[in-house]
Protein backbone atom coordinates (compact mmCIF):
# COMPACT_ATOMS: atom_id res chain seq x y z
CA UNK A 1 -2.37 -12.05 23.32
CA UNK A 2 -3.83 -15.53 23.62
CA UNK A 3 -5.59 -16.23 26.91
CA UNK A 4 -4.91 -19.97 26.97
CA UNK A 5 -1.82 -21.38 28.62
CA UNK A 6 0.63 -22.79 26.10
CA UNK A 7 2.74 -24.76 28.56
CA UNK A 8 2.24 -25.96 32.15
CA UNK A 9 5.03 -26.99 34.49
CA UNK A 10 5.90 -27.30 38.16
CA UNK A 11 8.97 -25.07 37.89
CA UNK A 12 9.66 -22.40 35.31
CA UNK A 13 13.24 -21.11 35.16
CA UNK A 14 13.98 -17.84 33.37
CA UNK A 15 17.52 -17.86 31.97
CA UNK A 16 19.60 -20.82 30.77
CA UNK A 17 22.91 -19.87 32.35
CA UNK A 18 24.89 -21.95 34.82
CA UNK A 19 22.68 -21.03 37.79
CA UNK A 20 19.37 -21.72 36.08
CA UNK A 21 20.54 -25.08 34.81
CA UNK A 22 22.20 -26.26 38.04
CA UNK A 23 19.04 -25.32 39.95
CA UNK A 24 17.05 -27.48 37.52
CA UNK A 25 19.60 -30.27 38.03
CA UNK A 26 19.25 -30.10 41.82
CA UNK A 27 15.44 -29.89 41.70
CA UNK A 28 15.44 -33.23 39.89
CA UNK A 29 17.80 -34.67 42.49
CA UNK A 30 15.17 -33.83 45.13
CA UNK A 31 12.00 -34.25 43.04
CA UNK A 32 12.75 -36.58 40.10
CA UNK A 33 9.18 -36.38 38.75
CA UNK A 34 8.95 -32.58 38.75
CA UNK A 35 8.23 -30.96 35.38
CA UNK A 36 10.67 -28.16 34.57
CA UNK A 37 10.78 -25.66 31.72
CA UNK A 38 13.69 -23.30 31.07
CA UNK A 39 13.17 -20.26 28.86
CA UNK A 40 16.11 -18.44 27.31
CA UNK A 41 16.10 -15.37 25.08
CA UNK A 42 19.21 -16.51 23.18
CA UNK A 43 19.45 -19.30 20.60
CA UNK A 44 21.66 -21.42 22.89
CA UNK A 45 22.52 -21.78 26.57
CA UNK A 46 25.49 -20.08 28.27
CA UNK A 47 25.69 -17.18 25.82
CA UNK A 48 26.61 -14.58 28.43
CA UNK A 49 28.63 -14.70 31.67
CA UNK A 50 28.14 -18.45 32.14
CA UNK A 51 29.89 -19.30 28.87
CA UNK A 52 32.22 -16.30 28.70
CA UNK A 53 33.96 -16.49 32.10
CA UNK A 54 37.53 -17.69 32.66
CA UNK A 55 36.47 -21.20 33.67
CA UNK A 56 38.52 -20.99 36.86
CA UNK A 57 37.26 -23.21 39.68
CA UNK A 58 38.12 -21.11 42.70
CA UNK A 59 39.14 -22.58 46.05
CA UNK A 60 37.22 -20.25 48.39
CA UNK A 61 39.70 -18.20 50.41
CA UNK A 62 38.84 -14.68 49.19
CA UNK A 63 35.50 -14.45 50.95
CA UNK A 64 34.60 -13.49 54.52
CA UNK A 65 33.57 -16.56 56.54
CA UNK A 66 30.02 -15.26 57.11
CA UNK A 67 29.28 -14.96 53.38
CA UNK A 68 27.40 -17.27 51.04
CA UNK A 69 30.42 -17.19 48.73
CA UNK A 70 32.59 -18.64 51.49
CA UNK A 71 29.92 -21.21 52.27
CA UNK A 72 29.63 -22.58 48.75
CA UNK A 73 32.91 -22.05 46.88
CA UNK A 74 34.85 -24.92 48.44
CA UNK A 75 32.01 -27.42 47.99
CA UNK A 76 31.13 -25.98 44.59
CA UNK A 77 34.70 -26.59 43.42
CA UNK A 78 34.40 -30.25 44.41
CA UNK A 79 30.91 -30.73 42.96
CA UNK A 80 31.81 -29.12 39.63
CA UNK A 81 34.88 -31.37 39.35
CA UNK A 82 32.71 -34.41 40.11
CA UNK A 83 30.24 -33.43 37.38
CA UNK A 84 33.04 -32.86 34.87
CA UNK A 85 34.75 -36.18 35.66
CA UNK A 86 31.44 -38.05 35.40
CA UNK A 87 30.70 -36.49 32.01
CA UNK A 88 34.10 -36.60 30.32
CA UNK A 89 34.86 -32.88 30.58
CA UNK A 90 38.56 -31.99 30.78
CA UNK A 91 39.77 -30.45 34.05
CA UNK A 92 43.12 -28.66 34.08
CA UNK A 93 44.37 -29.03 37.66
CA UNK A 94 46.75 -26.13 37.15
CA UNK A 95 46.64 -24.83 40.74
CA UNK A 96 47.23 -21.22 41.76
CA UNK A 97 49.48 -18.87 43.73
CA UNK A 98 48.67 -15.41 45.08
CA UNK A 99 51.68 -13.11 45.31
CA UNK A 100 52.34 -9.88 47.19
CA UNK A 101 54.37 -6.84 46.12
CA UNK A 102 55.06 -5.12 49.46
CA UNK A 103 54.46 -5.19 53.22
CA UNK A 104 50.92 -3.83 52.95
CA UNK A 105 49.92 -6.56 50.51
CA UNK A 106 51.67 -9.12 52.69
CA UNK A 107 49.25 -8.26 55.50
CA UNK A 108 46.33 -8.73 53.11
CA UNK A 109 47.84 -12.08 52.11
CA UNK A 110 47.77 -13.11 55.77
CA UNK A 111 44.10 -12.08 55.89
CA UNK A 112 43.35 -14.27 52.86
CA UNK A 113 45.08 -17.17 54.55
CA UNK A 114 43.03 -16.59 57.71
CA UNK A 115 39.80 -16.55 55.70
CA UNK A 116 40.79 -19.69 53.86
CA UNK A 117 41.51 -21.58 57.06
CA UNK A 118 38.20 -20.51 58.51
CA UNK A 119 36.42 -21.57 55.30
CA UNK A 120 38.03 -25.02 55.45
CA UNK A 121 40.02 -24.52 52.25
CA UNK A 122 43.14 -26.52 51.42
CA UNK A 123 45.91 -23.92 51.03
CA UNK A 124 49.42 -23.11 52.27
CA UNK A 125 51.40 -19.98 53.08
CA UNK A 126 54.77 -20.55 51.41
CA UNK A 127 58.15 -18.81 51.29
CA UNK A 128 59.79 -17.28 48.22
CA UNK A 129 62.01 -20.35 47.94
CA UNK A 130 59.04 -22.71 48.04
CA UNK A 131 57.22 -20.55 45.49
CA UNK A 132 60.11 -20.77 43.03
CA UNK A 133 60.09 -24.55 43.31
CA UNK A 134 56.47 -24.85 42.16
CA UNK A 135 56.28 -21.74 39.93
CA UNK A 136 59.79 -20.54 38.99
CA UNK A 137 58.55 -17.43 37.19
CA UNK A 138 56.34 -15.98 39.94
CA UNK A 139 57.56 -12.98 41.93
CA UNK A 140 56.48 -12.17 45.48
CA UNK A 141 57.43 -10.25 48.61
CA UNK A 142 58.51 -12.72 51.31
CA UNK A 143 55.43 -14.98 51.17
CA UNK A 144 52.87 -16.35 48.72
CA UNK A 145 49.63 -18.25 49.10
CA UNK A 146 49.42 -21.63 47.36
CA UNK A 147 46.06 -23.11 46.36
CA UNK A 148 46.32 -26.73 45.18
CA UNK A 149 42.58 -27.17 44.45
CA UNK A 150 42.21 -24.30 41.97
CA UNK A 151 41.59 -25.64 38.45
CA UNK A 152 40.14 -24.60 35.11
CA UNK A 153 37.48 -26.01 32.79
CA UNK A 154 35.82 -24.84 29.58
CA UNK A 155 32.71 -23.05 30.89
CA UNK A 156 30.73 -23.29 27.65
CA UNK A 157 31.46 -27.02 27.38
CA UNK A 158 30.14 -27.41 30.93
CA UNK A 159 26.95 -25.46 30.11
CA UNK A 160 26.25 -27.50 26.99
CA UNK A 161 26.79 -30.77 28.84
CA UNK A 162 24.43 -29.76 31.67
CA UNK A 163 21.83 -28.88 29.04
CA UNK A 164 22.26 -32.33 27.48
CA UNK A 165 21.94 -34.08 30.85
CA UNK A 166 18.82 -32.07 31.74
CA UNK A 167 17.16 -32.84 28.43
CA UNK A 168 17.78 -36.53 29.02
CA UNK A 169 16.00 -36.12 32.36
CA UNK A 170 12.97 -34.51 30.71
CA UNK A 171 13.65 -30.79 31.18
CA UNK A 172 12.16 -28.72 28.35
CA UNK A 173 14.30 -25.89 26.94
CA UNK A 174 12.57 -23.06 25.08
CA UNK A 175 15.28 -21.09 23.25
CA UNK A 176 14.73 -17.80 21.42
CA UNK A 177 12.06 -17.30 24.07
CA UNK A 178 12.11 -13.86 25.69
CA UNK A 179 10.28 -13.00 28.92
CA UNK A 180 7.77 -10.17 28.37
CA UNK A 181 5.69 -10.05 31.56
CA UNK A 182 3.74 -12.00 34.17
CA UNK A 183 0.38 -12.28 35.89
CA UNK A 184 -0.12 -14.48 38.96
CA UNK A 185 1.42 -17.85 38.07
CA UNK A 186 1.55 -17.09 34.34
CA UNK A 187 4.65 -15.86 32.54
CA UNK A 188 4.26 -14.23 29.15
CA UNK A 189 6.95 -14.75 26.53
CA UNK A 190 7.57 -14.32 22.83
CA UNK A 191 6.74 -18.02 22.45
CA UNK A 192 3.50 -18.09 24.41
CA UNK A 193 2.19 -18.26 27.98
CA UNK A 194 3.77 -20.48 30.62
CA UNK A 195 1.92 -21.49 33.77
CA UNK A 196 4.11 -22.63 36.66
CA UNK A 197 3.77 -23.71 40.26
CA UNK A 198 6.96 -21.78 41.05
CA UNK A 199 9.04 -19.32 39.01
CA UNK A 200 12.82 -18.98 39.34
CA UNK A 201 14.52 -15.93 37.86
CA UNK A 202 18.17 -16.52 36.94
CA UNK A 203 18.29 -14.01 34.10
CA UNK A 204 21.74 -12.59 34.90
CA UNK A 205 22.08 -9.15 33.35
CA UNK A 206 18.29 -8.72 33.37
CA UNK A 207 17.47 -10.43 36.67
CA UNK A 208 16.85 -7.13 38.46
CA UNK A 209 14.35 -5.90 35.85
CA UNK A 210 12.40 -9.16 35.82
CA UNK A 211 12.43 -9.23 39.64
CA UNK A 212 10.92 -5.75 39.66
CA UNK A 213 7.95 -7.10 37.68
CA UNK A 214 7.32 -9.45 40.61
CA UNK A 215 7.68 -6.71 43.24
CA UNK A 216 11.33 -7.35 44.15
CA UNK A 217 14.72 -5.72 43.48
CA UNK A 218 13.33 -2.47 44.82
CA UNK A 219 16.67 -1.23 46.11
CA UNK A 220 18.96 -2.77 43.51
CA UNK A 221 20.07 -2.25 39.94
CA UNK A 222 22.58 -4.03 37.71
CA UNK A 223 25.71 -2.09 36.79
CA UNK A 224 27.53 -4.00 34.05
CA UNK A 225 31.34 -4.28 34.02
CA UNK A 226 33.15 -5.52 30.93
CA UNK A 227 35.89 -8.10 31.42
CA UNK A 228 38.53 -8.62 28.73
CA UNK A 229 41.53 -10.95 28.50
CA UNK A 230 44.68 -10.92 26.38
CA UNK A 231 45.79 -14.27 24.98
CA UNK A 232 49.44 -15.35 24.83
CA UNK A 233 50.63 -16.36 21.36
CA UNK A 234 54.24 -17.30 22.05
CA UNK A 235 55.68 -20.78 21.53
CA UNK A 236 56.53 -21.24 25.21
CA UNK A 237 54.50 -21.45 28.43
CA UNK A 238 55.45 -18.34 30.44
CA UNK A 239 53.83 -19.72 33.63
CA UNK A 240 53.07 -23.19 35.00
CA UNK A 241 50.04 -22.24 37.09
CA UNK A 242 47.58 -19.42 37.69
CA UNK A 243 49.26 -16.38 39.26
CA UNK A 244 47.10 -13.78 41.00
CA UNK A 245 47.93 -10.52 42.79
CA UNK A 246 46.62 -9.70 46.23
CA UNK A 247 43.21 -8.11 45.50
CA UNK A 248 41.67 -5.01 47.02
CA UNK A 249 39.48 -6.75 49.59
CA UNK A 250 37.00 -3.86 49.57
CA UNK A 251 36.04 -4.52 45.93
CA UNK A 252 34.73 -7.70 44.24
CA UNK A 253 37.40 -7.62 41.49
CA UNK A 254 40.56 -9.75 41.65
CA UNK A 255 42.96 -7.67 39.54
CA UNK A 256 44.92 -8.59 36.40
CA UNK A 257 46.24 -12.15 36.71
CA UNK A 258 47.54 -15.11 34.72
CA UNK A 259 45.07 -17.86 33.88
CA UNK A 260 45.89 -21.19 32.29
CA UNK A 261 42.81 -22.41 30.43
CA UNK A 262 41.48 -25.96 30.24
CA UNK A 263 43.40 -26.50 26.98
CA UNK A 264 46.66 -25.00 28.34
CA UNK A 265 46.42 -21.57 26.74
CA UNK A 266 47.72 -18.67 28.84
CA UNK A 267 45.86 -15.40 29.14
CA UNK A 268 45.99 -12.33 31.34
CA UNK A 269 43.09 -10.30 32.67
CA UNK A 270 40.36 -9.52 33.21
CA UNK A 271 39.63 -5.85 33.07
CA UNK A 272 36.61 -4.56 34.96
CA UNK A 273 35.63 -1.61 32.81
CA UNK A 274 32.26 0.05 33.51
CA UNK A 275 30.01 -0.78 30.55
CA UNK A 276 27.37 1.58 29.17
CA UNK A 277 24.56 -0.88 28.48
CA UNK A 278 23.94 -4.41 29.64
CA UNK A 279 25.25 -6.28 26.62
CA UNK A 280 27.95 -3.76 25.70
CA UNK A 281 30.37 -6.37 24.34
CA UNK A 282 31.78 -4.29 21.50
CA UNK A 283 30.97 -1.32 19.29
CA UNK A 284 27.30 -0.38 19.22
CA UNK A 285 26.12 -3.99 19.18
CA UNK A 286 22.87 -4.43 21.13
CA UNK A 287 22.87 -0.74 22.07
CA UNK A 288 19.84 0.14 24.20
CA UNK A 289 19.13 3.83 24.80
CA UNK A 290 17.07 3.31 27.98
CA UNK A 291 19.76 1.10 29.48
CA UNK A 292 22.43 3.60 28.47
CA UNK A 293 20.67 6.52 30.15
CA UNK A 294 19.91 4.53 33.30
CA UNK A 295 23.45 3.18 33.68
CA UNK A 296 25.09 6.53 32.90
CA UNK A 297 22.90 8.08 35.59
CA UNK A 298 24.11 5.69 38.27
CA UNK A 299 27.71 5.75 37.07
CA UNK A 300 27.63 9.57 37.24
CA UNK A 301 26.43 9.40 40.86
CA UNK A 302 29.16 6.88 41.66
CA UNK A 303 31.72 9.20 40.07
CA UNK A 304 30.51 12.28 41.98
CA UNK A 305 30.29 10.44 45.31
CA UNK A 306 33.44 8.46 44.52
CA UNK A 307 31.79 5.39 46.05
CA UNK A 308 34.24 2.49 46.57
CA UNK A 309 36.89 4.76 44.95
CA UNK A 310 34.97 4.64 41.65
CA UNK A 311 36.90 7.48 39.98
CA UNK A 312 40.23 5.75 40.38
CA UNK A 313 38.73 2.42 39.35
CA UNK A 314 37.16 3.89 36.19
CA UNK A 315 40.37 5.65 35.16
CA UNK A 316 42.56 2.59 35.75
CA UNK A 317 40.16 0.45 33.73
CA UNK A 318 40.07 2.90 30.83
CA UNK A 319 43.88 2.68 30.65
CA UNK A 320 43.60 -1.10 30.29
CA UNK A 321 42.20 -0.66 26.78
CA UNK A 322 45.85 -0.18 25.82
CA UNK A 323 47.46 -3.61 25.32
CA UNK A 324 50.91 -2.45 26.45
CA UNK A 325 49.59 -0.99 29.71
CA UNK A 326 47.36 -4.03 30.26
CA UNK A 327 50.18 -6.54 29.82
CA UNK A 328 52.52 -4.36 31.85
CA UNK A 329 50.35 -4.94 34.91
CA UNK A 330 50.70 -8.68 34.48
CA UNK A 331 54.48 -8.39 34.04
CA UNK A 332 54.76 -7.18 37.65
CA UNK A 333 53.70 -10.63 38.88
CA UNK A 334 56.55 -12.54 37.21
CA UNK A 335 60.32 -12.46 36.93
CA UNK A 336 60.38 -12.51 33.14
CA UNK A 337 57.84 -12.56 30.33
CA UNK A 338 57.70 -11.41 26.73
CA UNK A 339 54.63 -9.24 27.07
CA UNK A 340 54.63 -8.55 23.33
CA UNK A 341 53.21 -12.06 22.89
CA UNK A 342 50.07 -11.06 24.79
CA UNK A 343 48.66 -9.54 21.63
CA UNK A 344 45.18 -10.94 21.00
CA UNK A 345 41.99 -9.90 22.78
CA UNK A 346 39.88 -12.88 23.83
CA UNK A 347 36.08 -12.90 23.82
CA UNK A 348 34.83 -10.28 26.33
CA UNK A 349 32.35 -10.99 29.09
CA UNK A 350 29.98 -8.78 31.06
CA UNK A 351 29.75 -9.03 34.84
CA UNK A 352 26.17 -8.45 36.05
CA UNK A 353 27.22 -6.59 39.19
CA UNK A 354 24.46 -5.55 41.59
CA UNK A 355 24.50 -2.01 42.99
CA UNK A 356 22.66 -1.12 46.18
CA UNK A 357 20.79 2.11 45.37
CA UNK A 358 20.54 3.06 49.05
CA UNK A 359 24.21 2.75 49.96
CA UNK A 360 25.71 3.13 46.45
CA UNK A 361 28.00 0.21 47.12
CA UNK A 362 28.56 -2.87 45.02
CA UNK A 363 27.09 -5.95 46.63
CA UNK A 364 29.86 -8.42 47.42
CA UNK A 365 27.79 -11.53 48.14
CA UNK A 366 25.08 -13.55 46.39
CA UNK A 367 21.67 -11.96 46.85
CA UNK A 368 18.25 -13.58 46.42
CA UNK A 369 14.73 -12.28 47.02
CA UNK A 370 11.42 -14.07 46.71
CA UNK A 371 8.18 -15.35 48.20
CA UNK A 372 5.86 -18.35 47.91
CA UNK A 373 5.41 -17.62 44.19
CA UNK A 374 8.88 -16.85 42.87
CA UNK A 375 12.60 -16.60 43.65
CA UNK A 376 14.99 -14.11 42.07
CA UNK A 377 18.76 -14.66 41.99
CA UNK A 378 19.91 -11.04 41.75
CA UNK A 379 23.66 -11.12 42.31
CA UNK A 380 25.26 -14.27 40.96
CA UNK A 381 28.70 -12.89 40.15
CA UNK A 382 32.10 -14.58 40.42
CA UNK A 383 32.65 -17.17 41.81
CA UNK A 384 29.06 -18.17 40.89
CA UNK A 385 30.31 -20.53 38.20
CA UNK A 386 32.43 -22.38 40.78
CA UNK A 387 29.67 -22.27 43.38
CA UNK A 388 26.84 -23.20 41.04
CA UNK A 389 26.12 -26.80 42.08
CA UNK A 390 26.56 -26.07 45.81
CA UNK A 391 24.56 -22.83 45.65
CA UNK A 392 21.84 -24.61 43.67
CA UNK A 393 21.60 -27.31 46.35
CA UNK A 394 21.12 -24.61 48.98
CA UNK A 395 18.48 -22.80 46.89
CA UNK A 396 16.50 -25.98 46.27
CA UNK A 397 16.59 -27.13 49.89
CA UNK A 398 16.23 -23.78 51.63
CA UNK A 399 14.53 -21.36 49.25
CA UNK A 400 12.01 -23.32 47.18
CA UNK A 401 8.64 -24.13 48.77
CA UNK A 402 8.27 -27.78 47.70
CA UNK A 403 4.84 -27.96 49.31
CA UNK A 404 3.46 -25.66 46.60
CA UNK A 405 4.60 -28.11 43.94
CA UNK A 406 3.07 -30.99 45.90
CA UNK A 407 -0.25 -29.12 46.09
CA UNK A 408 -0.09 -28.25 42.40
CA UNK A 409 0.64 -31.89 41.47
CA UNK A 410 -2.39 -33.05 43.47
CA UNK A 411 -4.58 -30.43 41.78
CA UNK A 412 -3.41 -31.47 38.29
CA UNK A 413 -4.05 -35.17 39.07
CA UNK A 414 -7.49 -34.29 40.45
CA UNK A 415 -8.38 -32.44 37.25
CA UNK A 416 -7.13 -35.36 35.13
CA UNK A 417 -9.24 -37.85 37.12
CA UNK A 418 -12.38 -35.73 36.91
């Protein structure tokens, strides 16, 4: 390997997903002259969760008030809408209702409303009659929760636009550039050696492995979950807005629901099926034996211990591979729907879910580890897309040691003068 540095920068970001790019965006808001490089192993940005998610801009009422998710979802919703409006990206202000099926779920609905109020979210607890006025096809038990700020966008369009904006601001993208290792402030890649004042790891499905190279992610590992949607191909619009069930508040998954996309397509999903390797999108594509053995090991332990009711979760998700069963779950949320028209699988996505190896529980909140040399965003799962601009602001202001960049800039100028 060549000893010389191929590229020098103030900040090096590993991974060109929504988090890596919004962090770059916010760095330039704070330090307009900073030099930033983003490396990405794929041929384009947003190729994984960032470009494959539902595009829903969540309101922020699912999350406990002491969590980072609660802190950043409401503001992230607003900031993402502002970015989209400023850059000509379509926003479908389709809104959302959460419905209950029985008394037990009604109590959970009340808890969601309490969380939302505490998080400062605009929402309303409405009656069945009020629900039928705004969404005639939704079905609930006594009450429903109405979220007027929930919307949808095209996530890949957003990613590509952020890339364009960053390039105009001088950010260098190195695509088809895979991380291979590091030493001090040097990062080794398939396209050469990068020297950086500070390194930010937003590598999604591989963030834990890269973090381990830097001495972090000691107690964590990524367990991938595959999310799939069924698209509606009827001539009508079966629903007017997003319809969600009351989720199991002990798990980070929201259950099968109706989503109206940015271009007014209707789909149901997603599943949350345990995957067997990190990019297990379909068939044996990108099969990795080491990943397979490692993930099977942890999934076996989860099955034996039945952590977070893993056995039931795994079985229910396996059943969702059947279209009829899958669409039948969605039918429970509405008064009428021709489920036969939900007949086309949409592009799957993989959720890079962090597992705590000490407790064998899925981490519910965003998790970051780092030091004066690097920062590693380990658990940036839903609603990370919604939160991205707000979370990036927090990371830049609270987690990045700007003084290191200032020192580095002075050193570079000193070398240039001498």
